[in-house]
Each structure stands twice: as C-alpha cells, then as structure tokens.
PDB file of all heavy atoms in Angstrom:
ATOM      1  N   ILE A   1      34.474  35.806  24.839  1.00  0.00           N
ATOM      2  CA  ILE A   1      35.310  34.919  24.088  1.00  0.00           C
ATOM      3  C   ILE A   1      34.519  34.299  22.963  1.00  0.00           C
ATOM      4  O   ILE A   1      34.948  34.166  21.759  1.00  0.00           O
ATOM      5  CB  ILE A   1      35.888  33.796  24.961  1.00  0.00           C
ATOM      6  CG1 ILE A   1      36.789  34.392  26.069  1.00  0.00           C
ATOM      7  CG2 ILE A   1      36.636  32.790  24.129  1.00  0.00           C
ATOM      8  CD1 ILE A   1      38.048  35.059  25.588  1.00  0.00           C
ATOM      9  N   VAL A   2      33.275  33.876  23.209  1.00  0.00           N
ATOM     10  CA  VAL A   2      32.390  33.266  22.214  1.00  0.00           C
ATOM     11  C   VAL A   2      32.085  34.271  21.098  1.00  0.00           C
ATOM     12  O   VAL A   2      32.068  33.947  19.930  1.00  0.00           O
ATOM     13  CB  VAL A   2      31.100  32.683  22.861  1.00  0.00           C
ATOM     14  CG1 VAL A   2      30.145  32.278  21.779  1.00  0.00           C
ATOM     15  CG2 VAL A   2      31.431  31.545  23.765  1.00  0.00           C
ATOM     16  N   LEU A   3      31.902  35.552  21.463  1.00  0.00           N
ATOM     17  CA  LEU A   3      31.732  36.592  20.497  1.00  0.00           C
ATOM     18  C   LEU A   3      32.983  36.725  19.600  1.00  0.00           C
ATOM     19  O   LEU A   3      32.875  36.864  18.352  1.00  0.00           O
ATOM     20  CB  LEU A   3      31.440  37.935  21.156  1.00  0.00           C
ATOM     21  CG  LEU A   3      29.987  38.230  21.522  1.00  0.00           C
ATOM     22  CD1 LEU A   3      29.900  39.576  22.276  1.00  0.00           C
ATOM     23  CD2 LEU A   3      29.094  38.259  20.295  1.00  0.00           C
ATOM     24  N   ALA A   4      34.163  36.689  20.231  1.00  0.00           N
ATOM     25  CA  ALA A   4      35.386  36.736  19.444  1.00  0.00           C
ATOM     26  C   ALA A   4      35.494  35.545  18.514  1.00  0.00           C
ATOM     27  O   ALA A   4      35.900  35.661  17.354  1.00  0.00           O
ATOM     28  CB  ALA A   4      36.594  36.748  20.415  1.00  0.00           C
ATOM     29  N   LEU A   5      35.099  34.329  18.952  1.00  0.00           N
ATOM     30  CA  LEU A   5      35.111  33.198  18.090  1.00  0.00           C
ATOM     31  C   LEU A   5      34.149  33.366  16.937  1.00  0.00           C
ATOM     32  O   LEU A   5      34.444  32.970  15.764  1.00  0.00           O
ATOM     33  CB  LEU A   5      34.701  31.929  18.881  1.00  0.00           C
ATOM     34  CG  LEU A   5      35.859  31.219  19.643  1.00  0.00           C
ATOM     35  CD1 LEU A   5      35.246  30.222  20.642  1.00  0.00           C
ATOM     36  CD2 LEU A   5      36.781  30.506  18.653  1.00  0.00           C
ATOM     37  N   ALA A   6      32.965  33.945  17.189  1.00  0.00           N
ATOM     38  CA  ALA A   6      31.959  34.101  16.156  1.00  0.00           C
ATOM     39  C   ALA A   6      32.447  35.015  15.054  1.00  0.00           C
ATOM     40  O   ALA A   6      32.113  34.872  13.872  1.00  0.00           O
ATOM     41  CB  ALA A   6      30.647  34.600  16.742  1.00  0.00           C
ATOM     42  N   PHE A   7      33.161  36.113  15.453  1.00  0.00           N
ATOM     43  CA  PHE A   7      33.561  37.163  14.536  1.00  0.00           C
ATOM     44  C   PHE A   7      34.999  36.967  14.016  1.00  0.00           C
ATOM     45  O   PHE A   7      35.442  37.790  13.209  1.00  0.00           O
ATOM     46  CB  PHE A   7      33.436  38.523  15.168  1.00  0.00           C
ATOM     47  CG  PHE A   7      32.009  39.054  15.251  1.00  0.00           C
ATOM     48  CD1 PHE A   7      31.216  38.805  16.363  1.00  0.00           C
ATOM     49  CD2 PHE A   7      31.466  39.754  14.180  1.00  0.00           C
ATOM     50  CE1 PHE A   7      29.915  39.243  16.423  1.00  0.00           C
ATOM     51  CE2 PHE A   7      30.175  40.243  14.264  1.00  0.00           C
ATOM     52  CZ  PHE A   7      29.392  39.989  15.372  1.00  0.00           C
ATOM     53  N   CYS A   8      35.766  35.971  14.474  1.00  0.00           N
ATOM     54  CA  CYS A   8      37.180  35.889  14.214  1.00  0.00           C
ATOM     55  C   CYS A   8      37.516  35.746  12.745  1.00  0.00           C
ATOM     56  O   CYS A   8      38.614  36.132  12.306  1.00  0.00           O
ATOM     57  CB  CYS A   8      37.860  34.815  15.027  1.00  0.00           C
ATOM     58  SG  CYS A   8      37.340  33.103  14.581  1.00  0.00           S
ATOM     59  N   CYS A   9      36.627  35.197  11.937  1.00  0.00           N
ATOM     60  CA  CYS A   9      36.879  35.032  10.495  1.00  0.00           C
ATOM     61  C   CYS A   9      36.039  35.994   9.653  1.00  0.00           C
ATOM     62  O   CYS A   9      35.876  35.733   8.448  1.00  0.00           O
ATOM     63  CB  CYS A   9      36.631  33.584  10.085  1.00  0.00           C
ATOM     64  SG  CYS A   9      37.784  32.419  10.892  1.00  0.00           S
ATOM     65  N   GLU A  10      35.578  37.084  10.235  1.00  0.00           N
ATOM     66  CA  GLU A  10      34.817  38.092   9.513  1.00  0.00           C
ATOM     67  C   GLU A  10      33.620  37.518   8.784  1.00  0.00           C
ATOM     68  O   GLU A  10      33.477  37.660   7.535  1.00  0.00           O
ATOM     69  CB  GLU A  10      35.710  38.850   8.571  1.00  0.00           C
ATOM     70  CG  GLU A  10      36.963  39.486   9.191  1.00  0.00           C
ATOM     71  CD  GLU A  10      36.590  40.645  10.103  1.00  0.00           C
ATOM     72  OE1 GLU A  10      35.479  41.235   9.991  1.00  0.00           O
ATOM     73  OE2 GLU A  10      37.373  40.965  11.032  1.00  0.00           O
ATOM     74  N   PRO A  11      32.696  36.777   9.480  1.00  0.00           N
ATOM     75  CA  PRO A  11      31.536  36.221   8.790  1.00  0.00           C
ATOM     76  C   PRO A  11      30.587  37.325   8.276  1.00  0.00           C
ATOM     77  O   PRO A  11      30.581  38.429   8.777  1.00  0.00           O
ATOM     78  CB  PRO A  11      30.912  35.340   9.870  1.00  0.00           C
ATOM     79  CG  PRO A  11      31.228  36.078  11.164  1.00  0.00           C
ATOM     80  CD  PRO A  11      32.632  36.590  10.940  1.00  0.00           C
ATOM     81  N   ARG A  12      29.797  36.952   7.309  1.00  0.00           N
ATOM     82  CA  ARG A  12      28.765  37.905   6.775  1.00  0.00           C
ATOM     83  C   ARG A  12      27.529  37.898   7.667  1.00  0.00           C
ATOM     84  O   ARG A  12      26.806  38.896   7.695  1.00  0.00           O
ATOM     85  CB  ARG A  12      28.418  37.527   5.359  1.00  0.00           C
ATOM     86  CG  ARG A  12      29.597  37.477   4.391  1.00  0.00           C
ATOM     87  CD  ARG A  12      30.253  38.839   4.307  1.00  0.00           C
ATOM     88  NE  ARG A  12      29.480  39.814   3.622  1.00  0.00           N
ATOM     89  CZ  ARG A  12      29.267  41.092   3.965  1.00  0.00           C
ATOM     90  NH1 ARG A  12      29.788  41.571   5.105  1.00  0.00           N
ATOM     91  NH2 ARG A  12      28.555  41.919   3.234  1.00  0.00           N
ATOM     92  N   VAL A  13      27.249  36.775   8.305  1.00  0.00           N
ATOM     93  CA  VAL A  13      26.037  36.613   9.166  1.00  0.00           C
ATOM     94  C   VAL A  13      26.412  35.994  10.453  1.00  0.00           C
ATOM     95  O   VAL A  13      27.259  35.089  10.462  1.00  0.00           O
ATOM     96  CB  VAL A  13      24.972  35.790   8.411  1.00  0.00           C
ATOM     97  CG1 VAL A  13      23.754  35.543   9.321  1.00  0.00           C
ATOM     98  CG2 VAL A  13      24.509  36.434   7.132  1.00  0.00           C
ATOM     99  N   VAL A  14      25.763  36.475  11.514  1.00  0.00           N
ATOM    100  CA  VAL A  14      25.986  35.815  12.849  1.00  0.00           C
ATOM    101  C   VAL A  14      24.583  35.471  13.449  1.00  0.00           C
ATOM    102  O   VAL A  14      23.699  36.361  13.452  1.00  0.00           O
ATOM    103  CB  VAL A  14      26.747  36.703  13.874  1.00  0.00           C
ATOM    104  CG1 VAL A  14      26.663  36.172  15.265  1.00  0.00           C
ATOM    105  CG2 VAL A  14      28.213  36.837  13.438  1.00  0.00           C
ATOM    106  N   ILE A  15      24.404  34.280  13.859  1.00  0.00           N
ATOM    107  CA  ILE A  15      23.194  33.820  14.548  1.00  0.00           C
ATOM    108  C   ILE A  15      23.492  33.845  16.038  1.00  0.00           C
ATOM    109  O   ILE A  15      24.354  33.049  16.501  1.00  0.00           O
ATOM    110  CB  ILE A  15      22.755  32.419  14.136  1.00  0.00           C
ATOM    111  CG1 ILE A  15      22.692  32.289  12.590  1.00  0.00           C
ATOM    112  CG2 ILE A  15      21.444  32.073  14.792  1.00  0.00           C
ATOM    113  CD1 ILE A  15      21.695  33.160  11.908  1.00  0.00           C
ATOM    114  N   ALA A  16      22.822  34.709  16.797  1.00  0.00           N
ATOM    115  CA  ALA A  16      23.059  34.834  18.221  1.00  0.00           C
ATOM    116  C   ALA A  16      21.819  34.341  18.960  1.00  0.00           C
ATOM    117  O   ALA A  16      20.774  34.976  18.963  1.00  0.00           O
ATOM    118  CB  ALA A  16      23.355  36.279  18.616  1.00  0.00           C
ATOM    119  N   ASP A  17      21.904  33.156  19.597  1.00  0.00           N
ATOM    120  CA  ASP A  17      20.762  32.521  20.190  1.00  0.00           C
ATOM    121  C   ASP A  17      20.800  32.715  21.704  1.00  0.00           C
ATOM    122  O   ASP A  17      21.573  32.050  22.407  1.00  0.00           O
ATOM    123  CB  ASP A  17      20.759  31.021  19.846  1.00  0.00           C
ATOM    124  CG  ASP A  17      19.503  30.292  20.289  1.00  0.00           C
ATOM    125  OD1 ASP A  17      18.638  30.942  20.926  1.00  0.00           O
ATOM    126  OD2 ASP A  17      19.317  29.138  19.904  1.00  0.00           O
ATOM    127  N   GLU A  18      19.942  33.632  22.200  1.00  0.00           N
ATOM    128  CA  GLU A  18      19.872  33.945  23.622  1.00  0.00           C
ATOM    129  C   GLU A  18      21.286  34.173  24.235  1.00  0.00           C
ATOM    130  O   GLU A  18      21.667  33.561  25.204  1.00  0.00           O
ATOM    131  CB  GLU A  18      19.208  32.760  24.404  1.00  0.00           C
ATOM    132  CG  GLU A  18      17.810  32.429  23.919  1.00  0.00           C
ATOM    133  CD  GLU A  18      16.711  33.310  24.512  1.00  0.00           C
ATOM    134  OE1 GLU A  18      17.079  34.309  25.158  1.00  0.00           O
ATOM    135  OE2 GLU A  18      15.556  33.015  24.298  1.00  0.00           O
ATOM    136  N   PRO A  19      22.049  35.112  23.670  1.00  0.00           N
ATOM    137  CA  PRO A  19      23.447  35.285  24.101  1.00  0.00           C
ATOM    138  C   PRO A  19      23.596  35.936  25.503  1.00  0.00           C
ATOM    139  O   PRO A  19      24.706  35.920  26.044  1.00  0.00           O
ATOM    140  CB  PRO A  19      24.046  36.204  23.004  1.00  0.00           C
ATOM    141  CG  PRO A  19      22.890  36.983  22.540  1.00  0.00           C
ATOM    142  CD  PRO A  19      21.703  36.037  22.616  1.00  0.00           C
ATOM    143  N   THR A  20      22.538  36.497  26.064  1.00  0.00           N
ATOM    144  CA  THR A  20      22.668  37.208  27.313  1.00  0.00           C
ATOM    145  C   THR A  20      21.849  36.582  28.456  1.00  0.00           C
ATOM    146  O   THR A  20      21.841  37.095  29.562  1.00  0.00           O
ATOM    147  CB  THR A  20      22.226  38.667  27.179  1.00  0.00           C
ATOM    148  OG1 THR A  20      20.804  38.720  26.826  1.00  0.00           O
ATOM    149  CG2 THR A  20      23.013  39.374  26.141  1.00  0.00           C
ATOM    150  N   THR A  21      21.160  35.446  28.197  1.00  0.00           N
ATOM    151  CA  THR A  21      20.225  34.883  29.178  1.00  0.00           C
ATOM    152  C   THR A  21      20.895  34.556  30.509  1.00  0.00           C
ATOM    153  O   THR A  21      20.368  34.786  31.578  1.00  0.00           O
ATOM    154  CB  THR A  21      19.546  33.669  28.604  1.00  0.00           C
ATOM    155  OG1 THR A  21      18.835  34.071  27.459  1.00  0.00           O
ATOM    156  CG2 THR A  21      18.600  33.022  29.608  1.00  0.00           C
ATOM    157  N   ALA A  22      22.096  33.993  30.452  1.00  0.00           N
ATOM    158  CA  ALA A  22      22.746  33.505  31.656  1.00  0.00           C
ATOM    159  C   ALA A  22      23.573  34.600  32.387  1.00  0.00           C
ATOM    160  O   ALA A  22      24.281  34.268  33.363  1.00  0.00           O
ATOM    161  CB  ALA A  22      23.663  32.296  31.330  1.00  0.00           C
ATOM    162  N   LEU A  23      23.483  35.812  31.912  1.00  0.00           N
ATOM    163  CA  LEU A  23      24.337  36.880  32.449  1.00  0.00           C
ATOM    164  C   LEU A  23      23.500  37.825  33.323  1.00  0.00           C
ATOM    165  O   LEU A  23      22.307  38.023  33.132  1.00  0.00           O
ATOM    166  CB  LEU A  23      24.995  37.650  31.282  1.00  0.00           C
ATOM    167  CG  LEU A  23      25.768  36.804  30.286  1.00  0.00           C
ATOM    168  CD1 LEU A  23      26.225  37.709  29.155  1.00  0.00           C
ATOM    169  CD2 LEU A  23      26.878  36.069  30.926  1.00  0.00           C
ATOM    170  N   ASP A  24      24.209  38.509  34.282  1.00  0.00           N
ATOM    171  CA  ASP A  24      23.470  39.491  35.055  1.00  0.00           C
ATOM    172  C   ASP A  24      23.258  40.753  34.231  1.00  0.00           C
ATOM    173  O   ASP A  24      23.824  40.906  33.113  1.00  0.00           O
ATOM    174  CB  ASP A  24      24.177  39.825  36.384  1.00  0.00           C
ATOM    175  CG  ASP A  24      25.564  40.431  36.151  1.00  0.00           C
ATOM    176  OD1 ASP A  24      25.655  41.389  35.355  1.00  0.00           O
ATOM    177  OD2 ASP A  24      26.578  40.003  36.768  1.00  0.00           O
ATOM    178  N   VAL A  25      22.421  41.668  34.683  1.00  0.00           N
ATOM    179  CA  VAL A  25      21.922  42.764  33.881  1.00  0.00           C
ATOM    180  C   VAL A  25      23.042  43.666  33.364  1.00  0.00           C
ATOM    181  O   VAL A  25      23.045  44.034  32.227  1.00  0.00           O
ATOM    182  CB  VAL A  25      20.849  43.587  34.676  1.00  0.00           C
ATOM    183  CG1 VAL A  25      20.430  44.827  33.881  1.00  0.00           C
ATOM    184  CG2 VAL A  25      19.662  42.711  35.027  1.00  0.00           C
ATOM    185  N   SER A  26      23.973  43.972  34.234  1.00  0.00           N
ATOM    186  CA  SER A  26      25.058  44.899  33.844  1.00  0.00           C
ATOM    187  C   SER A  26      25.907  44.267  32.726  1.00  0.00           C
ATOM    188  O   SER A  26      26.334  44.945  31.785  1.00  0.00           O
ATOM    189  CB  SER A  26      25.903  45.302  35.046  1.00  0.00           C
ATOM    190  OG  SER A  26      26.531  44.175  35.637  1.00  0.00           O
ATOM    191  N   VAL A  27      26.225  42.930  32.871  1.00  0.00           N
ATOM    192  CA  VAL A  27      27.028  42.254  31.890  1.00  0.00           C
ATOM    193  C   VAL A  27      26.226  42.094  30.593  1.00  0.00           C
ATOM    194  O   VAL A  27      26.769  42.176  29.495  1.00  0.00           O
ATOM    195  CB  VAL A  27      27.522  40.900  32.432  1.00  0.00           C
ATOM    196  CG1 VAL A  27      28.317  40.152  31.371  1.00  0.00           C
ATOM    197  CG2 VAL A  27      28.337  41.111  33.663  1.00  0.00           C
ATOM    198  N   GLN A  28      24.899  41.852  30.712  1.00  0.00           N
ATOM    199  CA  GLN A  28      24.036  41.774  29.529  1.00  0.00           C
ATOM    200  C   GLN A  28      24.197  43.029  28.664  1.00  0.00           C
ATOM    201  O   GLN A  28      24.393  42.959  27.477  1.00  0.00           O
ATOM    202  CB  GLN A  28      22.588  41.631  29.905  1.00  0.00           C
ATOM    203  CG  GLN A  28      22.128  40.271  30.260  1.00  0.00           C
ATOM    204  CD  GLN A  28      20.604  40.202  30.474  1.00  0.00           C
ATOM    205  OE1 GLN A  28      19.910  41.093  30.068  1.00  0.00           O
ATOM    206  NE2 GLN A  28      20.128  39.145  31.124  1.00  0.00           N
ATOM    207  N   ALA A  29      24.099  44.153  29.304  1.00  0.00           N
ATOM    208  CA  ALA A  29      24.199  45.423  28.579  1.00  0.00           C
ATOM    209  C   ALA A  29      25.546  45.583  27.873  1.00  0.00           C
ATOM    210  O   ALA A  29      25.615  46.063  26.732  1.00  0.00           O
ATOM    211  CB  ALA A  29      24.007  46.627  29.556  1.00  0.00           C
ATOM    212  N   GLN A  30      26.600  45.157  28.521  1.00  0.00           N
ATOM    213  CA  GLN A  30      27.953  45.252  27.912  1.00  0.00           C
ATOM    214  C   GLN A  30      28.020  44.326  26.712  1.00  0.00           C
ATOM    215  O   GLN A  30      28.579  44.719  25.651  1.00  0.00           O
ATOM    216  CB  GLN A  30      29.006  44.844  28.957  1.00  0.00           C
ATOM    217  CG  GLN A  30      29.132  45.830  30.109  1.00  0.00           C
ATOM    218  CD  GLN A  30      29.957  45.276  31.249  1.00  0.00           C
ATOM    219  OE1 GLN A  30      30.710  44.292  31.060  1.00  0.00           O
ATOM    220  NE2 GLN A  30      29.921  45.877  32.391  1.00  0.00           N
ATOM    221  N   VAL A  31      27.506  43.123  26.823  1.00  0.00           N
ATOM    222  CA  VAL A  31      27.547  42.168  25.705  1.00  0.00           C
ATOM    223  C   VAL A  31      26.751  42.641  24.552  1.00  0.00           C
ATOM    224  O   VAL A  31      27.140  42.524  23.388  1.00  0.00           O
ATOM    225  CB  VAL A  31      27.106  40.745  26.174  1.00  0.00           C
ATOM    226  CG1 VAL A  31      26.958  39.792  24.990  1.00  0.00           C
ATOM    227  CG2 VAL A  31      28.157  40.168  27.152  1.00  0.00           C
ATOM    228  N   ILE A  32      25.527  43.205  24.811  1.00  0.00           N
ATOM    229  CA  ILE A  32      24.705  43.730  23.749  1.00  0.00           C
ATOM    230  C   ILE A  32      25.375  44.891  23.051  1.00  0.00           C
ATOM    231  O   ILE A  32      25.371  44.988  21.805  1.00  0.00           O
ATOM    232  CB  ILE A  32      23.347  44.133  24.284  1.00  0.00           C
ATOM    233  CG1 ILE A  32      22.525  42.885  24.659  1.00  0.00           C
ATOM    234  CG2 ILE A  32      22.546  44.985  23.329  1.00  0.00           C
ATOM    235  CD1 ILE A  32      22.169  41.992  23.479  1.00  0.00           C
ATOM    236  N   ASP A  33      25.967  45.800  23.788  1.00  0.00           N
ATOM    237  CA  ASP A  33      26.699  46.925  23.185  1.00  0.00           C
ATOM    238  C   ASP A  33      27.830  46.424  22.310  1.00  0.00           C
ATOM    239  O   ASP A  33      28.056  46.950  21.205  1.00  0.00           O
ATOM    240  CB  ASP A  33      27.230  47.833  24.280  1.00  0.00           C
ATOM    241  CG  ASP A  33      26.142  48.713  24.941  1.00  0.00           C
ATOM    242  OD1 ASP A  33      25.051  48.803  24.357  1.00  0.00           O
ATOM    243  OD2 ASP A  33      26.402  49.300  26.009  1.00  0.00           O
TER     244      ASP A  33
END
C-alpha cells in the first residue's frame, strides 16, 4: 500500500528508506521485485 502511495502521482524520484527491514525474506523479495 505504501508503494502504491509513493507511486500514485507518477513521481520522478522515489526515496525508499529500508523498505524491507520489517518483512520476512519471501515478502522482502516480492516487495523488491
């Protein structure tokens, strides 16, 4: 959902600060992809 919020207005730049730290490994891979 946070990714959708970050991209919802088609920004030119996105700052992603530790976006996968709180997630388990399988979900991390999905979010990174």
